[in-house]
């Protein structure tokens, strides 16, 4: 429950030229298959003893954990505020704000 107040980790990788999308998706799929909690969702519990639950999909969908985007205004030297402003829709929702949402 303490982690519900911390920001989630969002990563951005920059590529010059054509990115190896199929290879990256396959790697993300292998990682979440080995660690299904990475694709889990926070859900409200049904009692005071279990106020918060972590739901884990049996077979996580890689498409829910991988997003390809292009933005000419960003570069490896961009500061975090600029990256966040331009990729706002791709940033992982903060723990407490993600309870009962179907997103990773």
PDB file of N, CA and C in Angstrom:
ATOM      1  N   UNK A   1       0.826  -1.186   0.000  1.00  0.00           N
ATOM      2  CA  UNK A   1       0.000   0.000   0.000  1.00  0.00           C
ATOM      3  C   UNK A   1       0.874   1.256   0.000  1.00  0.00           C
ATOM      4  N   UNK A   2       2.040   1.207   0.608  1.00  0.00           N
ATOM      5  CA  UNK A   2       2.921   2.372   0.640  1.00  0.00           C
ATOM      6  C   UNK A   2       3.356   2.804  -0.757  1.00  0.00           C
ATOM      7  N   UNK A   3       3.528   1.871  -1.653  1.00  0.00           N
ATOM      8  CA  UNK A   3       3.980   2.207  -3.003  1.00  0.00           C
ATOM      9  C   UNK A   3       2.913   2.918  -3.828  1.00  0.00           C
ATOM     10  N   UNK A   4       1.687   2.965  -3.360  1.00  0.00           N
ATOM     11  CA  UNK A   4       0.635   3.619  -4.143  1.00  0.00           C
ATOM     12  C   UNK A   4       0.829   5.120  -4.245  1.00  0.00           C
ATOM     13  N   UNK A   5       1.724   5.687  -3.457  1.00  0.00           N
ATOM     14  CA  UNK A   5       1.964   7.126  -3.489  1.00  0.00           C
ATOM     15  C   UNK A   5       3.186   7.509  -4.317  1.00  0.00           C
ATOM     16  N   UNK A   6       3.916   6.531  -4.822  1.00  0.00           N
ATOM     17  CA  UNK A   6       5.123   6.798  -5.594  1.00  0.00           C
ATOM     18  C   UNK A   6       4.831   6.800  -7.087  1.00  0.00           C
ATOM     19  N   UNK A   7       5.626   7.564  -7.819  1.00  0.00           N
ATOM     20  CA  UNK A   7       5.507   7.581  -9.274  1.00  0.00           C
ATOM     21  C   UNK A   7       5.918   6.228  -9.842  1.00  0.00           C
ATOM     22  N   UNK A   8       5.296   5.855 -10.940  1.00  0.00           N
ATOM     23  CA  UNK A   8       5.655   4.619 -11.620  1.00  0.00           C
ATOM     24  C   UNK A   8       6.885   4.871 -12.493  1.00  0.00           C
ATOM     25  N   UNK A   9       7.520   3.815 -12.905  1.00  0.00           N
ATOM     26  CA  UNK A   9       8.688   3.934 -13.775  1.00  0.00           C
ATOM     27  C   UNK A   9       8.217   3.858 -15.218  1.00  0.00           C
ATOM     28  N   UNK A  10       8.623   4.843 -15.999  1.00  0.00           N
ATOM     29  CA  UNK A  10       8.342   4.876 -17.427  1.00  0.00           C
ATOM     30  C   UNK A  10       9.676   5.014 -18.129  1.00  0.00           C
ATOM     31  N   UNK A  11       9.916   4.209 -19.142  1.00  0.00           N
ATOM     32  CA  UNK A  11      11.194   4.295 -19.850  1.00  0.00           C
ATOM     33  C   UNK A  11      10.972   4.758 -21.285  1.00  0.00           C
ATOM     34  N   UNK A  12      11.965   5.439 -21.809  1.00  0.00           N
ATOM     35  CA  UNK A  12      11.960   5.923 -23.190  1.00  0.00           C
ATOM     36  C   UNK A  12      13.286   5.521 -23.802  1.00  0.00           C
ATOM     37  N   UNK A  13      13.238   4.954 -24.998  1.00  0.00           N
ATOM     38  CA  UNK A  13      14.448   4.583 -25.716  1.00  0.00           C
ATOM     39  C   UNK A  13      14.450   5.308 -27.051  1.00  0.00           C
ATOM     40  N   UNK A  14      15.564   5.936 -27.394  1.00  0.00           N
ATOM     41  CA  UNK A  14      15.684   6.668 -28.646  1.00  0.00           C
ATOM     42  C   UNK A  14      16.459   5.836 -29.656  1.00  0.00           C
ATOM     43  N   UNK A  15      16.014   5.861 -30.917  1.00  0.00           N
ATOM     44  CA  UNK A  15      16.688   5.155 -31.997  1.00  0.00           C
ATOM     45  C   UNK A  15      16.911   6.108 -33.153  1.00  0.00           C
ATOM     46  N   UNK A  16      18.073   6.002 -33.779  1.00  0.00           N
ATOM     47  CA  UNK A  16      18.339   6.701 -35.031  1.00  0.00           C
ATOM     48  C   UNK A  16      18.034   5.694 -36.138  1.00  0.00           C
ATOM     49  N   UNK A  17      17.194   6.079 -37.069  1.00  0.00           N
ATOM     50  CA  UNK A  17      16.809   5.150 -38.126  1.00  0.00           C
ATOM     51  C   UNK A  17      15.616   4.313 -37.698  1.00  0.00           C
ATOM     52  N   UNK A  18      15.482   3.172 -38.302  1.00  0.00           N
ATOM     53  CA  UNK A  18      14.335   2.289 -38.060  1.00  0.00           C
ATOM     54  C   UNK A  18      14.539   1.476 -36.773  1.00  0.00           C
ATOM     55  N   UNK A  19      13.654   1.615 -35.795  1.00  0.00           N
ATOM     56  CA  UNK A  19      13.802   0.832 -34.563  1.00  0.00           C
ATOM     57  C   UNK A  19      13.420  -0.631 -34.787  1.00  0.00           C
ATOM     58  N   UNK A  20      14.055  -1.554 -34.066  1.00  0.00           N
ATOM     59  CA  UNK A  20      13.740  -2.985 -34.198  1.00  0.00           C
ATOM     60  C   UNK A  20      12.472  -3.343 -33.403  1.00  0.00           C
ATOM     61  N   UNK A  21      11.325  -2.865 -33.852  1.00  0.00           N
ATOM     62  CA  UNK A  21      10.071  -2.983 -33.101  1.00  0.00           C
ATOM     63  C   UNK A  21       9.727  -4.434 -32.785  1.00  0.00           C
ATOM     64  N   UNK A  22       9.773  -5.301 -33.766  1.00  0.00           N
ATOM     65  CA  UNK A  22       9.414  -6.711 -33.531  1.00  0.00           C
ATOM     66  C   UNK A  22      10.320  -7.341 -32.479  1.00  0.00           C
ATOM     67  N   UNK A  23      11.611  -7.040 -32.534  1.00  0.00           N
ATOM     68  CA  UNK A  23      12.557  -7.589 -31.549  1.00  0.00           C
ATOM     69  C   UNK A  23      12.265  -7.043 -30.152  1.00  0.00           C
ATOM     70  N   UNK A  24      11.976  -5.746 -30.070  1.00  0.00           N
ATOM     71  CA  UNK A  24      11.671  -5.143 -28.776  1.00  0.00           C
ATOM     72  C   UNK A  24      10.377  -5.697 -28.191  1.00  0.00           C
ATOM     73  N   UNK A  25       9.356  -5.856 -29.022  1.00  0.00           N
ATOM     74  CA  UNK A  25       8.093  -6.430 -28.541  1.00  0.00           C
ATOM     75  C   UNK A  25       8.300  -7.853 -28.051  1.00  0.00           C
ATOM     76  N   UNK A  26       9.078  -8.623 -28.771  1.00  0.00           N
ATOM     77  CA  UNK A  26       9.345 -10.009 -28.358  1.00  0.00           C
ATOM     78  C   UNK A  26      10.071 -10.029 -27.011  1.00  0.00           C
ATOM     79  N   UNK A  27      11.000  -9.094 -26.821  1.00  0.00           N
ATOM     80  CA  UNK A  27      11.746  -9.050 -25.555  1.00  0.00           C
ATOM     81  C   UNK A  27      10.843  -8.632 -24.397  1.00  0.00           C
ATOM     82  N   UNK A  28       9.995  -7.608 -24.643  1.00  0.00           N
ATOM     83  CA  UNK A  28       9.045  -7.185 -23.607  1.00  0.00           C
ATOM     84  C   UNK A  28       8.106  -8.343 -23.264  1.00  0.00           C
ATOM     85  N   UNK A  29       7.642  -9.064 -24.274  1.00  0.00           N
ATOM     86  CA  UNK A  29       6.761 -10.209 -24.045  1.00  0.00           C
ATOM     87  C   UNK A  29       7.449 -11.272 -23.189  1.00  0.00           C
ATOM     88  N   UNK A  30       8.721 -11.546 -23.451  1.00  0.00           N
ATOM     89  CA  UNK A  30       9.461 -12.538 -22.663  1.00  0.00           C
ATOM     90  C   UNK A  30       9.632 -12.075 -21.218  1.00  0.00           C
ATOM     91  N   UNK A  31       9.902 -10.794 -21.019  1.00  0.00           N
ATOM     92  CA  UNK A  31      10.083 -10.269 -19.667  1.00  0.00           C
ATOM     93  C   UNK A  31       8.787 -10.361 -18.866  1.00  0.00           C
ATOM     94  N   UNK A  32       7.661  -9.940 -19.462  1.00  0.00           N
ATOM     95  CA  UNK A  32       6.404  -9.980 -18.699  1.00  0.00           C
ATOM     96  C   UNK A  32       5.872 -11.397 -18.544  1.00  0.00           C
ATOM     97  N   UNK A  33       6.240 -12.296 -19.445  1.00  0.00           N
ATOM     98  CA  UNK A  33       5.846 -13.699 -19.266  1.00  0.00           C
ATOM     99  C   UNK A  33       6.596 -14.305 -18.083  1.00  0.00           C
ATOM    100  N   UNK A  34       7.838 -13.889 -17.892  1.00  0.00           N
ATOM    101  CA  UNK A  34       8.639 -14.393 -16.775  1.00  0.00           C
ATOM    102  C   UNK A  34       8.285 -13.698 -15.460  1.00  0.00           C
ATOM    103  N   UNK A  35       7.743 -12.487 -15.539  1.00  0.00           N
ATOM    104  CA  UNK A  35       7.415 -11.685 -14.351  1.00  0.00           C
ATOM    105  C   UNK A  35       6.026 -11.073 -14.535  1.00  0.00           C
ATOM    106  N   UNK A  36       4.985 -11.878 -14.460  1.00  0.00           N
ATOM    107  CA  UNK A  36       3.632 -11.397 -14.786  1.00  0.00           C
ATOM    108  C   UNK A  36       3.160 -10.252 -13.906  1.00  0.00           C
ATOM    109  N   UNK A  37       3.727 -10.093 -12.711  1.00  0.00           N
ATOM    110  CA  UNK A  37       3.322  -8.985 -11.847  1.00  0.00           C
ATOM    111  C   UNK A  37       3.637  -7.643 -12.489  1.00  0.00           C
ATOM    112  N   UNK A  38       4.601  -7.594 -13.419  1.00  0.00           N
ATOM    113  CA  UNK A  38       4.915  -6.349 -14.122  1.00  0.00           C
ATOM    114  C   UNK A  38       3.738  -5.855 -14.961  1.00  0.00           C
ATOM    115  N   UNK A  39       2.852  -6.751 -15.355  1.00  0.00           N
ATOM    116  CA  UNK A  39       1.682  -6.384 -16.145  1.00  0.00           C
ATOM    117  C   UNK A  39       0.416  -6.375 -15.287  1.00  0.00           C
ATOM    118  N   UNK A  40       0.575  -6.413 -13.976  1.00  0.00           N
ATOM    119  CA  UNK A  40      -0.561  -6.453 -13.060  1.00  0.00           C
ATOM    120  C   UNK A  40      -1.296  -5.139 -12.953  1.00  0.00           C
ATOM    121  N   UNK A  41      -2.483  -5.193 -12.373  1.00  0.00           N
ATOM    122  CA  UNK A  41      -3.310  -4.015 -12.125  1.00  0.00           C
ATOM    123  C   UNK A  41      -3.673  -3.970 -10.650  1.00  0.00           C
ATOM    124  N   UNK A  42      -3.806  -2.765 -10.132  1.00  0.00           N
ATOM    125  CA  UNK A  42      -4.254  -2.583  -8.753  1.00  0.00           C
ATOM    126  C   UNK A  42      -5.771  -2.532  -8.724  1.00  0.00           C
ATOM    127  N   UNK A  43      -6.370  -3.292  -7.824  1.00  0.00           N
ATOM    128  CA  UNK A  43      -7.825  -3.306  -7.680  1.00  0.00           C
ATOM    129  C   UNK A  43      -8.198  -3.086  -6.226  1.00  0.00           C
ATOM    130  N   UNK A  44      -9.348  -2.467  -6.003  1.00  0.00           N
ATOM    131  CA  UNK A  44      -9.865  -2.278  -4.649  1.00  0.00           C
ATOM    132  C   UNK A  44     -10.217  -3.631  -4.061  1.00  0.00           C
ATOM    133  N   UNK A  45      -9.859  -3.841  -2.809  1.00  0.00           N
ATOM    134  CA  UNK A  45     -10.217  -5.073  -2.130  1.00  0.00           C
ATOM    135  C   UNK A  45     -11.641  -5.002  -1.614  1.00  0.00           C
ATOM    136  N   UNK A  46     -12.148  -6.125  -1.176  1.00  0.00           N
ATOM    137  CA  UNK A  46     -13.545  -6.187  -0.734  1.00  0.00           C
ATOM    138  C   UNK A  46     -13.711  -6.057   0.775  1.00  0.00           C
ATOM    139  N   UNK A  47     -12.590  -5.929   1.502  1.00  0.00           N
ATOM    140  CA  UNK A  47     -12.714  -5.835   2.956  1.00  0.00           C
ATOM    141  C   UNK A  47     -11.594  -4.971   3.536  1.00  0.00           C
ATOM    142  N   UNK A  48     -11.721  -4.652   4.806  1.00  0.00           N
ATOM    143  CA  UNK A  48     -10.702  -3.860   5.490  1.00  0.00           C
ATOM    144  C   UNK A  48      -9.377  -4.623   5.581  1.00  0.00           C
ATOM    145  N   UNK A  49      -9.452  -5.963   5.621  1.00  0.00           N
ATOM    146  CA  UNK A  49      -8.239  -6.772   5.700  1.00  0.00           C
ATOM    147  C   UNK A  49      -7.474  -6.759   4.382  1.00  0.00           C
ATOM    148  N   UNK A  50      -8.183  -6.614   3.276  1.00  0.00           N
ATOM    149  CA  UNK A  50      -7.555  -6.570   1.952  1.00  0.00           C
ATOM    150  C   UNK A  50      -8.052  -5.340   1.194  1.00  0.00           C
ATOM    151  N   UNK A  51      -7.547  -4.135   1.576  1.00  0.00           N
ATOM    152  CA  UNK A  51      -8.018  -2.918   0.928  1.00  0.00           C
ATOM    153  C   UNK A  51      -7.532  -2.750  -0.509  1.00  0.00           C
ATOM    154  N   UNK A  52      -6.456  -3.463  -0.874  1.00  0.00           N
ATOM    155  CA  UNK A  52      -5.892  -3.326  -2.202  1.00  0.00           C
ATOM    156  C   UNK A  52      -5.387  -4.674  -2.680  1.00  0.00           C
ATOM    157  N   UNK A  53      -5.690  -5.024  -3.900  1.00  0.00           N
ATOM    158  CA  UNK A  53      -5.271  -6.293  -4.484  1.00  0.00           C
ATOM    159  C   UNK A  53      -4.450  -6.036  -5.735  1.00  0.00           C
ATOM    160  N   UNK A  54      -3.537  -6.933  -6.064  1.00  0.00           N
ATOM    161  CA  UNK A  54      -2.807  -6.879  -7.319  1.00  0.00           C
ATOM    162  C   UNK A  54      -3.326  -8.006  -8.183  1.00  0.00           C
ATOM    163  N   UNK A  55      -3.941  -7.638  -9.299  1.00  0.00           N
ATOM    164  CA  UNK A  55      -4.449  -8.624 -10.250  1.00  0.00           C
ATOM    165  C   UNK A  55      -3.383  -8.869 -11.294  1.00  0.00           C
ATOM    166  N   UNK A  56      -3.096 -10.129 -11.556  1.00  0.00           N
ATOM    167  CA  UNK A  56      -2.099 -10.484 -12.552  1.00  0.00           C
ATOM    168  C   UNK A  56      -2.740 -11.281 -13.680  1.00  0.00           C
ATOM    169  N   UNK A  57      -2.553 -10.856 -14.921  1.00  0.00           N
ATOM    170  CA  UNK A  57      -3.081 -11.660 -16.033  1.00  0.00           C
ATOM    171  C   UNK A  57      -2.292 -12.954 -16.170  1.00  0.00           C
ATOM    172  N   UNK A  58      -2.959 -14.030 -16.556  1.00  0.00           N
ATOM    173  CA  UNK A  58      -2.245 -15.300 -16.740  1.00  0.00           C
ATOM    174  C   UNK A  58      -1.283 -15.197 -17.930  1.00  0.00           C
ATOM    175  N   UNK A  59      -1.763 -14.590 -19.012  1.00  0.00           N
ATOM    176  CA  UNK A  59      -0.931 -14.369 -20.193  1.00  0.00           C
ATOM    177  C   UNK A  59      -1.013 -12.884 -20.517  1.00  0.00           C
ATOM    178  N   UNK A  60      -0.060 -12.099 -20.037  1.00  0.00           N
ATOM    179  CA  UNK A  60      -0.112 -10.656 -20.278  1.00  0.00           C
ATOM    180  C   UNK A  60      -0.035 -10.315 -21.760  1.00  0.00           C
ATOM    181  N   UNK A  61      -0.752  -9.306 -22.156  1.00  0.00           N
ATOM    182  CA  UNK A  61      -0.728  -8.818 -23.532  1.00  0.00           C
ATOM    183  C   UNK A  61       0.439  -7.853 -23.686  1.00  0.00           C
ATOM    184  N   UNK A  62       1.361  -8.157 -24.584  1.00  0.00           N
ATOM    185  CA  UNK A  62       2.511  -7.291 -24.796  1.00  0.00           C
ATOM    186  C   UNK A  62       2.080  -5.916 -25.302  1.00  0.00           C
ATOM    187  N   UNK A  63       0.982  -5.842 -26.030  1.00  0.00           N
ATOM    188  CA  UNK A  63       0.522  -4.555 -26.567  1.00  0.00           C
ATOM    189  C   UNK A  63       0.136  -3.579 -25.457  1.00  0.00           C
ATOM    190  N   UNK A  64      -0.214  -4.094 -24.278  1.00  0.00           N
ATOM    191  CA  UNK A  64      -0.565  -3.224 -23.154  1.00  0.00           C
ATOM    192  C   UNK A  64       0.686  -2.694 -22.454  1.00  0.00           C
ATOM    193  N   UNK A  65       1.845  -3.258 -22.772  1.00  0.00           N
ATOM    194  CA  UNK A  65       3.085  -2.878 -22.088  1.00  0.00           C
ATOM    195  C   UNK A  65       4.108  -2.251 -23.022  1.00  0.00           C
ATOM    196  N   UNK A  66       3.723  -1.997 -24.253  1.00  0.00           N
ATOM    197  CA  UNK A  66       4.669  -1.516 -25.250  1.00  0.00           C
ATOM    198  C   UNK A  66       3.961  -0.511 -26.142  1.00  0.00           C
ATOM    199  N   UNK A  67       4.583   0.652 -26.307  1.00  0.00           N
ATOM    200  CA  UNK A  67       4.002   1.660 -27.183  1.00  0.00           C
ATOM    201  C   UNK A  67       5.108   2.272 -28.026  1.00  0.00           C
ATOM    202  N   UNK A  68       4.883   2.305 -29.326  1.00  0.00           N
ATOM    203  CA  UNK A  68       5.843   2.912 -30.240  1.00  0.00           C
ATOM    204  C   UNK A  68       5.367   4.326 -30.562  1.00  0.00           C
ATOM    205  N   UNK A  69       6.280   5.277 -30.517  1.00  0.00           N
ATOM    206  CA  UNK A  69       5.923   6.669 -30.742  1.00  0.00           C
ATOM    207  C   UNK A  69       7.076   7.387 -31.422  1.00  0.00           C
ATOM    208  N   UNK A  70       6.762   8.434 -32.141  1.00  0.00           N
ATOM    209  CA  UNK A  70       7.780   9.243 -32.791  1.00  0.00           C
ATOM    210  C   UNK A  70       7.517  10.702 -32.445  1.00  0.00           C
ATOM    211  N   UNK A  71       8.576  11.420 -32.076  1.00  0.00           N
ATOM    212  CA  UNK A  71       8.424  12.823 -31.701  1.00  0.00           C
ATOM    213  C   UNK A  71       9.734  13.545 -32.008  1.00  0.00           C
ATOM    214  N   UNK A  72       9.690  14.429 -32.994  1.00  0.00           N
ATOM    215  CA  UNK A  72      10.897  15.155 -33.421  1.00  0.00           C
ATOM    216  C   UNK A  72      11.372  16.178 -32.393  1.00  0.00           C
ATOM    217  N   UNK A  73      10.562  16.495 -31.401  1.00  0.00           N
ATOM    218  CA  UNK A  73      10.931  17.492 -30.401  1.00  0.00           C
ATOM    219  C   UNK A  73      11.731  16.895 -29.242  1.00  0.00           C
ATOM    220  N   UNK A  74      11.894  15.571 -29.242  1.00  0.00           N
ATOM    221  CA  UNK A  74      12.619  14.908 -28.154  1.00  0.00           C
ATOM    222  C   UNK A  74      13.930  14.329 -28.659  1.00  0.00           C
ATOM    223  N   UNK A  75      14.902  14.284 -27.760  1.00  0.00           N
ATOM    224  CA  UNK A  75      16.200  13.684 -28.068  1.00  0.00           C
ATOM    225  C   UNK A  75      16.768  13.098 -26.777  1.00  0.00           C
ATOM    226  N   UNK A  76      17.834  12.304 -26.872  1.00  0.00           N
ATOM    227  CA  UNK A  76      18.422  11.752 -25.655  1.00  0.00           C
ATOM    228  C   UNK A  76      18.843  12.819 -24.637  1.00  0.00           C
ATOM    229  N   UNK A  77      19.070  14.051 -25.076  1.00  0.00           N
ATOM    230  CA  UNK A  77      19.455  15.116 -24.165  1.00  0.00           C
ATOM    231  C   UNK A  77      18.297  15.890 -23.571  1.00  0.00           C
ATOM    232  N   UNK A  78      17.064  15.526 -23.916  1.00  0.00           N
ATOM    233  CA  UNK A  78      15.887  16.231 -23.398  1.00  0.00           C
ATOM    234  C   UNK A  78      15.756  16.028 -21.898  1.00  0.00           C
ATOM    235  N   UNK A  79      15.368  17.095 -21.188  1.00  0.00           N
ATOM    236  CA  UNK A  79      15.174  16.957 -19.744  1.00  0.00           C
ATOM    237  C   UNK A  79      13.859  16.233 -19.468  1.00  0.00           C
ATOM    238  N   UNK A  80      13.713  15.722 -18.256  1.00  0.00           N
ATOM    239  CA  UNK A  80      12.551  14.910 -17.898  1.00  0.00           C
ATOM    240  C   UNK A  80      11.241  15.674 -18.035  1.00  0.00           C
ATOM    241  N   UNK A  81      11.227  16.956 -17.714  1.00  0.00           N
ATOM    242  CA  UNK A  81      10.001  17.743 -17.826  1.00  0.00           C
ATOM    243  C   UNK A  81       9.539  17.815 -19.285  1.00  0.00           C
ATOM    244  N   UNK A  82      10.478  17.971 -20.211  1.00  0.00           N
ATOM    245  CA  UNK A  82      10.145  18.020 -21.637  1.00  0.00           C
ATOM    246  C   UNK A  82       9.639  16.668 -22.114  1.00  0.00           C
ATOM    247  N   UNK A  83      10.325  15.607 -21.725  1.00  0.00           N
ATOM    248  CA  UNK A  83       9.897  14.255 -22.111  1.00  0.00           C
ATOM    249  C   UNK A  83       8.487  13.988 -21.580  1.00  0.00           C
ATOM    250  N   UNK A  84       8.254  14.290 -20.316  1.00  0.00           N
ATOM    251  CA  UNK A  84       6.936  14.065 -19.709  1.00  0.00           C
ATOM    252  C   UNK A  84       5.849  14.861 -20.416  1.00  0.00           C
ATOM    253  N   UNK A  85       6.136  16.112 -20.763  1.00  0.00           N
ATOM    254  CA  UNK A  85       5.142  16.955 -21.425  1.00  0.00           C
ATOM    255  C   UNK A  85       4.765  16.403 -22.799  1.00  0.00           C
ATOM    256  N   UNK A  86       5.746  15.887 -23.538  1.00  0.00           N
ATOM    257  CA  UNK A  86       5.474  15.395 -24.893  1.00  0.00           C
ATOM    258  C   UNK A  86       4.941  13.966 -24.921  1.00  0.00           C
ATOM    259  N   UNK A  87       5.181  13.206 -23.886  1.00  0.00           N
ATOM    260  CA  UNK A  87       4.739  11.804 -23.854  1.00  0.00           C
ATOM    261  C   UNK A  87       3.717  11.548 -22.756  1.00  0.00           C
ATOM    262  N   UNK A  88       2.993  12.569 -22.371  1.00  0.00           N
ATOM    263  CA  UNK A  88       2.029  12.485 -21.267  1.00  0.00           C
ATOM    264  C   UNK A  88       1.082  11.290 -21.402  1.00  0.00           C
ATOM    265  N   UNK A  89       0.606  10.997 -22.605  1.00  0.00           N
ATOM    266  CA  UNK A  89      -0.349   9.894 -22.782  1.00  0.00           C
ATOM    267  C   UNK A  89       0.307   8.522 -22.638  1.00  0.00           C
ATOM    268  N   UNK A  90       1.639   8.452 -22.723  1.00  0.00           N
ATOM    269  CA  UNK A  90       2.326   7.162 -22.618  1.00  0.00           C
ATOM    270  C   UNK A  90       2.919   6.920 -21.236  1.00  0.00           C
ATOM    271  N   UNK A  91       2.874   7.913 -20.348  1.00  0.00           N
ATOM    272  CA  UNK A  91       3.447   7.777 -19.013  1.00  0.00           C
ATOM    273  C   UNK A  91       2.539   6.900 -18.147  1.00  0.00           C
ATOM    274  N   UNK A  92       3.148   6.000 -17.404  1.00  0.00           N
ATOM    275  CA  UNK A  92       2.405   5.091 -16.541  1.00  0.00           C
ATOM    276  C   UNK A  92       1.745   5.887 -15.409  1.00  0.00           C
ATOM    277  N   UNK A  93       0.486   5.573 -15.138  1.00  0.00           N
ATOM    278  CA  UNK A  93      -0.275   6.256 -14.097  1.00  0.00           C
ATOM    279  C   UNK A  93       0.276   5.936 -12.715  1.00  0.00           C
ATOM    280  N   UNK A  94       0.329   6.940 -11.854  1.00  0.00           N
ATOM    281  CA  UNK A  94       0.798   6.788 -10.474  1.00  0.00           C
ATOM    282  C   UNK A  94      -0.043   5.737  -9.760  1.00  0.00           C
ATOM    283  N   UNK A  95       0.562   4.962  -8.889  1.00  0.00           N
ATOM    284  CA  UNK A  95      -0.103   3.848  -8.209  1.00  0.00           C
ATOM    285  C   UNK A  95      -1.485   4.138  -7.671  1.00  0.00           C
ATOM    286  N   UNK A  96      -1.629   5.132  -6.795  1.00  0.00           N
ATOM    287  CA  UNK A  96      -2.940   5.384  -6.183  1.00  0.00           C
ATOM    288  C   UNK A  96      -3.967   5.853  -7.196  1.00  0.00           C
ATOM    289  N   UNK A  97      -3.514   6.472  -8.296  1.00  0.00           N
ATOM    290  CA  UNK A  97      -4.434   6.927  -9.339  1.00  0.00           C
ATOM    291  C   UNK A  97      -4.800   5.816 -10.303  1.00  0.00           C
ATOM    292  N   UNK A  98      -4.080   4.701 -10.252  1.00  0.00           N
ATOM    293  CA  UNK A  98      -4.309   3.584 -11.175  1.00  0.00           C
ATOM    294  C   UNK A  98      -5.230   2.504 -10.608  1.00  0.00           C
ATOM    295  N   UNK A  99      -5.658   2.648  -9.344  1.00  0.00           N
ATOM    296  CA  UNK A  99      -6.511   1.633  -8.739  1.00  0.00           C
ATOM    297  C   UNK A  99      -7.808   1.518  -9.532  1.00  0.00           C
ATOM    298  N   UNK A 100      -8.131   0.297  -9.902  1.00  0.00           N
ATOM    299  CA  UNK A 100      -9.346  -0.072 -10.649  1.00  0.00           C
ATOM    300  C   UNK A 100      -9.347   0.419 -12.095  1.00  0.00           C
ATOM    301  N   UNK A 101      -8.196   0.788 -12.634  1.00  0.00           N
ATOM    302  CA  UNK A 101      -8.082   1.134 -14.051  1.00  0.00           C
ATOM    303  C   UNK A 101      -7.484  -0.045 -14.806  1.00  0.00           C
ATOM    304  N   UNK A 102      -7.900  -0.258 -16.024  1.00  0.00           N
ATOM    305  CA  UNK A 102      -7.367  -1.352 -16.824  1.00  0.00           C
ATOM    306  C   UNK A 102      -6.231  -0.827 -17.696  1.00  0.00           C
ATOM    307  N   UNK A 103      -5.139  -0.505 -17.049  1.00  0.00           N
ATOM    308  CA  UNK A 103      -3.943  -0.080 -17.765  1.00  0.00           C
ATOM    309  C   UNK A 103      -2.729  -0.557 -17.016  1.00  0.00           C
ATOM    310  N   UNK A 104      -1.631  -0.649 -17.731  1.00  0.00           N
ATOM    311  CA  UNK A 104      -0.391  -1.128 -17.128  1.00  0.00           C
ATOM    312  C   UNK A 104       0.456   0.057 -16.765  1.00  0.00           C
TER     313      UNK A 104
END
